[in-house]
Amino acid sequence: MKATKVLQIVFALDFAAGAHSTQRRKGGAHEPYVNHLTEVARLVGNP
């Protein structure tokens, strides 16, 4: 993967983390919502 693509992904993740910084997932852990976004992106990118 080219460095520019990696940087695009990093910037997108940083943007998502800021946009969802006050959101928490349901359940006992109440983990940050951005963790879910990151996991979905990992699953989609690694079939």
PDB file of N, CA and C in Angstrom:
ATOM      1  N   MET A   1       0.858  -1.181   0.000  1.00  0.00           N
ATOM      2  CA  MET A   1       0.000   0.000   0.000  1.00  0.00           C
ATOM      3  C   MET A   1       0.895   1.232   0.000  1.00  0.00           C
ATOM      4  N   LYS A   2       0.557   2.163  -0.851  1.00  0.00           N
ATOM      5  CA  LYS A   2       1.349   3.381  -0.928  1.00  0.00           C
ATOM      6  C   LYS A   2       1.191   4.212   0.331  1.00  0.00           C
ATOM      7  N   ALA A   3       2.204   4.985   0.638  1.00  0.00           N
ATOM      8  CA  ALA A   3       2.184   5.836   1.827  1.00  0.00           C
ATOM      9  C   ALA A   3       1.031   6.829   1.782  1.00  0.00           C
ATOM     10  N   THR A   4       0.681   7.318   0.601  1.00  0.00           N
ATOM     11  CA  THR A   4      -0.410   8.282   0.507  1.00  0.00           C
ATOM     12  C   THR A   4      -1.737   7.648   0.904  1.00  0.00           C
ATOM     13  N   LYS A   5      -1.945   6.393   0.551  1.00  0.00           N
ATOM     14  CA  LYS A   5      -3.168   5.685   0.937  1.00  0.00           C
ATOM     15  C   LYS A   5      -3.218   5.478   2.446  1.00  0.00           C
ATOM     16  N   VAL A   6      -2.080   5.123   3.020  1.00  0.00           N
ATOM     17  CA  VAL A   6      -2.017   4.936   4.466  1.00  0.00           C
ATOM     18  C   VAL A   6      -2.328   6.255   5.172  1.00  0.00           C
ATOM     19  N   LEU A   7      -1.774   7.343   4.675  1.00  0.00           N
ATOM     20  CA  LEU A   7      -2.049   8.653   5.274  1.00  0.00           C
ATOM     21  C   LEU A   7      -3.520   9.026   5.154  1.00  0.00           C
ATOM     22  N   GLN A   8      -4.152   8.709   4.042  1.00  0.00           N
ATOM     23  CA  GLN A   8      -5.577   8.977   3.878  1.00  0.00           C
ATOM     24  C   GLN A   8      -6.384   8.219   4.929  1.00  0.00           C
ATOM     25  N   ILE A   9      -6.018   6.984   5.168  1.00  0.00           N
ATOM     26  CA  ILE A   9      -6.711   6.173   6.172  1.00  0.00           C
ATOM     27  C   ILE A   9      -6.493   6.748   7.564  1.00  0.00           C
ATOM     28  N   VAL A  10      -5.276   7.144   7.860  1.00  0.00           N
ATOM     29  CA  VAL A  10      -4.971   7.728   9.171  1.00  0.00           C
ATOM     30  C   VAL A  10      -5.746   9.026   9.376  1.00  0.00           C
ATOM     31  N   PHE A  11      -5.787   9.876   8.362  1.00  0.00           N
ATOM     32  CA  PHE A  11      -6.540  11.130   8.476  1.00  0.00           C
ATOM     33  C   PHE A  11      -8.034  10.857   8.646  1.00  0.00           C
ATOM     34  N   ALA A  12      -8.560   9.874   7.929  1.00  0.00           N
ATOM     35  CA  ALA A  12      -9.975   9.527   8.049  1.00  0.00           C
ATOM     36  C   ALA A  12     -10.286   9.009   9.451  1.00  0.00           C
ATOM     37  N   LEU A  13      -9.420   8.176   9.987  1.00  0.00           N
ATOM     38  CA  LEU A  13      -9.612   7.659  11.344  1.00  0.00           C
ATOM     39  C   LEU A  13      -9.532   8.780  12.371  1.00  0.00           C
ATOM     40  N   ASP A  14      -8.602   9.695  12.187  1.00  0.00           N
ATOM     41  CA  ASP A  14      -8.476  10.834  13.091  1.00  0.00           C
ATOM     42  C   ASP A  14      -9.737  11.701  13.032  1.00  0.00           C
ATOM     43  N   PHE A  15     -10.255  11.929  11.829  1.00  0.00           N
ATOM     44  CA  PHE A  15     -11.489  12.704  11.670  1.00  0.00           C
ATOM     45  C   PHE A  15     -12.650  12.006  12.367  1.00  0.00           C
ATOM     46  N   ALA A  16     -12.774  10.703  12.151  1.00  0.00           N
ATOM     47  CA  ALA A  16     -13.861   9.939  12.771  1.00  0.00           C
ATOM     48  C   ALA A  16     -13.750   9.963  14.295  1.00  0.00           C
ATOM     49  N   ALA A  17     -12.533   9.857  14.803  1.00  0.00           N
ATOM     50  CA  ALA A  17     -12.343   9.891  16.259  1.00  0.00           C
ATOM     51  C   ALA A  17     -12.797  11.228  16.830  1.00  0.00           C
ATOM     52  N   GLY A  18     -12.484  12.317  16.146  1.00  0.00           N
ATOM     53  CA  GLY A  18     -12.926  13.630  16.612  1.00  0.00           C
ATOM     54  C   GLY A  18     -14.432  13.798  16.504  1.00  0.00           C
ATOM     55  N   ALA A  19     -15.000  13.331  15.399  1.00  0.00           N
ATOM     56  CA  ALA A  19     -16.438  13.483  15.176  1.00  0.00           C
ATOM     57  C   ALA A  19     -17.267  12.657  16.155  1.00  0.00           C
ATOM     58  N   HIS A  20     -16.726  11.551  16.621  1.00  0.00           N
ATOM     59  CA  HIS A  20     -17.460  10.652  17.507  1.00  0.00           C
ATOM     60  C   HIS A  20     -16.880  10.618  18.922  1.00  0.00           C
ATOM     61  N   SER A  21     -16.128  11.639  19.278  1.00  0.00           N
ATOM     62  CA  SER A  21     -15.401  11.622  20.556  1.00  0.00           C
ATOM     63  C   SER A  21     -16.302  11.540  21.785  1.00  0.00           C
ATOM     64  N   THR A  22     -17.532  12.014  21.683  1.00  0.00           N
ATOM     65  CA  THR A  22     -18.424  11.977  22.858  1.00  0.00           C
ATOM     66  C   THR A  22     -19.321  10.748  22.867  1.00  0.00           C
ATOM     67  N   GLN A  23     -19.257   9.922  21.829  1.00  0.00           N
ATOM     68  CA  GLN A  23     -20.131   8.760  21.746  1.00  0.00           C
ATOM     69  C   GLN A  23     -19.462   7.527  22.342  1.00  0.00           C
ATOM     70  N   ARG A  24     -20.274   6.730  23.017  1.00  0.00           N
ATOM     71  CA  ARG A  24     -19.806   5.474  23.602  1.00  0.00           C
ATOM     72  C   ARG A  24     -20.711   4.353  23.119  1.00  0.00           C
ATOM     73  N   ARG A  25     -20.169   3.166  23.008  1.00  0.00           N
ATOM     74  CA  ARG A  25     -20.957   2.002  22.601  1.00  0.00           C
ATOM     75  C   ARG A  25     -21.806   1.514  23.745  1.00  0.00           C
ATOM     76  N   LYS A  26     -22.900   0.859  23.392  1.00  0.00           N
ATOM     77  CA  LYS A  26     -23.768   0.264  24.398  1.00  0.00           C
ATOM     78  C   LYS A  26     -23.060  -0.924  25.031  1.00  0.00           C
ATOM     79  N   GLY A  27     -23.508  -1.294  26.206  1.00  0.00           N
ATOM     80  CA  GLY A  27     -22.931  -2.451  26.876  1.00  0.00           C
ATOM     81  C   GLY A  27     -22.123  -2.028  28.088  1.00  0.00           C
ATOM     82  N   GLY A  28     -21.620  -3.018  28.778  1.00  0.00           N
ATOM     83  CA  GLY A  28     -20.912  -2.772  30.018  1.00  0.00           C
ATOM     84  C   GLY A  28     -19.598  -2.029  29.865  1.00  0.00           C
ATOM     85  N   ALA A  29     -18.912  -2.234  28.747  1.00  0.00           N
ATOM     86  CA  ALA A  29     -17.591  -1.628  28.576  1.00  0.00           C
ATOM     87  C   ALA A  29     -17.662  -0.137  28.245  1.00  0.00           C
ATOM     88  N   HIS A  30     -18.737   0.292  27.597  1.00  0.00           N
ATOM     89  CA  HIS A  30     -18.887   1.690  27.169  1.00  0.00           C
ATOM     90  C   HIS A  30     -17.639   2.199  26.449  1.00  0.00           C
ATOM     91  N   GLU A  31     -17.117   1.357  25.569  1.00  0.00           N
ATOM     92  CA  GLU A  31     -15.906   1.750  24.851  1.00  0.00           C
ATOM     93  C   GLU A  31     -16.223   2.860  23.850  1.00  0.00           C
ATOM     94  N   PRO A  32     -15.218   3.620  23.443  1.00  0.00           N
ATOM     95  CA  PRO A  32     -15.446   4.688  22.470  1.00  0.00           C
ATOM     96  C   PRO A  32     -16.026   4.127  21.171  1.00  0.00           C
ATOM     97  N   TYR A  33     -16.978   4.843  20.581  1.00  0.00           N
ATOM     98  CA  TYR A  33     -17.634   4.403  19.356  1.00  0.00           C
ATOM     99  C   TYR A  33     -16.633   4.245  18.209  1.00  0.00           C
ATOM    100  N   VAL A  34     -15.605   5.055  18.200  1.00  0.00           N
ATOM    101  CA  VAL A  34     -14.627   4.986  17.103  1.00  0.00           C
ATOM    102  C   VAL A  34     -13.943   3.615  17.064  1.00  0.00           C
ATOM    103  N   ASN A  35     -13.902   2.910  18.171  1.00  0.00           N
ATOM    104  CA  ASN A  35     -13.346   1.554  18.161  1.00  0.00           C
ATOM    105  C   ASN A  35     -14.147   0.662  17.215  1.00  0.00           C
ATOM    106  N   HIS A  36     -15.466   0.849  17.196  1.00  0.00           N
ATOM    107  CA  HIS A  36     -16.323   0.069  16.299  1.00  0.00           C
ATOM    108  C   HIS A  36     -16.015   0.421  14.843  1.00  0.00           C
ATOM    109  N   LEU A  37     -15.870   1.703  14.558  1.00  0.00           N
ATOM    110  CA  LEU A  37     -15.558   2.128  13.194  1.00  0.00           C
ATOM    111  C   LEU A  37     -14.230   1.532  12.725  1.00  0.00           C
ATOM    112  N   THR A  38     -13.260   1.521  13.618  1.00  0.00           N
ATOM    113  CA  THR A  38     -11.943   0.976  13.292  1.00  0.00           C
ATOM    114  C   THR A  38     -12.028  -0.525  13.025  1.00  0.00           C
ATOM    115  N   GLU A  39     -12.774  -1.226  13.847  1.00  0.00           N
ATOM    116  CA  GLU A  39     -12.927  -2.670  13.668  1.00  0.00           C
ATOM    117  C   GLU A  39     -13.616  -2.994  12.346  1.00  0.00           C
ATOM    118  N   VAL A  40     -14.661  -2.266  12.012  1.00  0.00           N
ATOM    119  CA  VAL A  40     -15.367  -2.490  10.743  1.00  0.00           C
ATOM    120  C   VAL A  40     -14.419  -2.235   9.568  1.00  0.00           C
ATOM    121  N   ALA A  41     -13.647  -1.159   9.625  1.00  0.00           N
ATOM    122  CA  ALA A  41     -12.707  -0.854   8.554  1.00  0.00           C
ATOM    123  C   ALA A  41     -11.666  -1.969   8.419  1.00  0.00           C
ATOM    124  N   ARG A  42     -11.220  -2.497   9.531  1.00  0.00           N
ATOM    125  CA  ARG A  42     -10.246  -3.601   9.493  1.00  0.00           C
ATOM    126  C   ARG A  42     -10.855  -4.837   8.856  1.00  0.00           C
ATOM    127  N   LEU A  43     -12.096  -5.136   9.190  1.00  0.00           N
ATOM    128  CA  LEU A  43     -12.757  -6.318   8.627  1.00  0.00           C
ATOM    129  C   LEU A  43     -13.001  -6.166   7.125  1.00  0.00           C
ATOM    130  N   VAL A  44     -13.405  -4.973   6.709  1.00  0.00           N
ATOM    131  CA  VAL A  44     -13.667  -4.722   5.284  1.00  0.00           C
ATOM    132  C   VAL A  44     -12.357  -4.755   4.486  1.00  0.00           C
ATOM    133  N   GLY A  45     -11.313  -4.228   5.065  1.00  0.00           N
ATOM    134  CA  GLY A  45     -10.030  -4.157   4.356  1.00  0.00           C
ATOM    135  C   GLY A  45      -9.226  -5.434   4.354  1.00  0.00           C
ATOM    136  N   ASN A  46      -9.665  -6.417   5.131  1.00  0.00           N
ATOM    137  CA  ASN A  46      -8.916  -7.666   5.256  1.00  0.00           C
ATOM    138  C   ASN A  46      -9.871  -8.849   5.086  1.00  0.00           C
ATOM    139  N   PRO A  47     -10.372  -9.053   3.851  1.00  0.00           N
ATOM    140  CA  PRO A  47     -11.399 -10.099   3.639  1.00  0.00           C
ATOM    141  C   PRO A  47     -10.893 -11.508   3.853  1.00  0.00           C
TER     142      PRO A  47
END
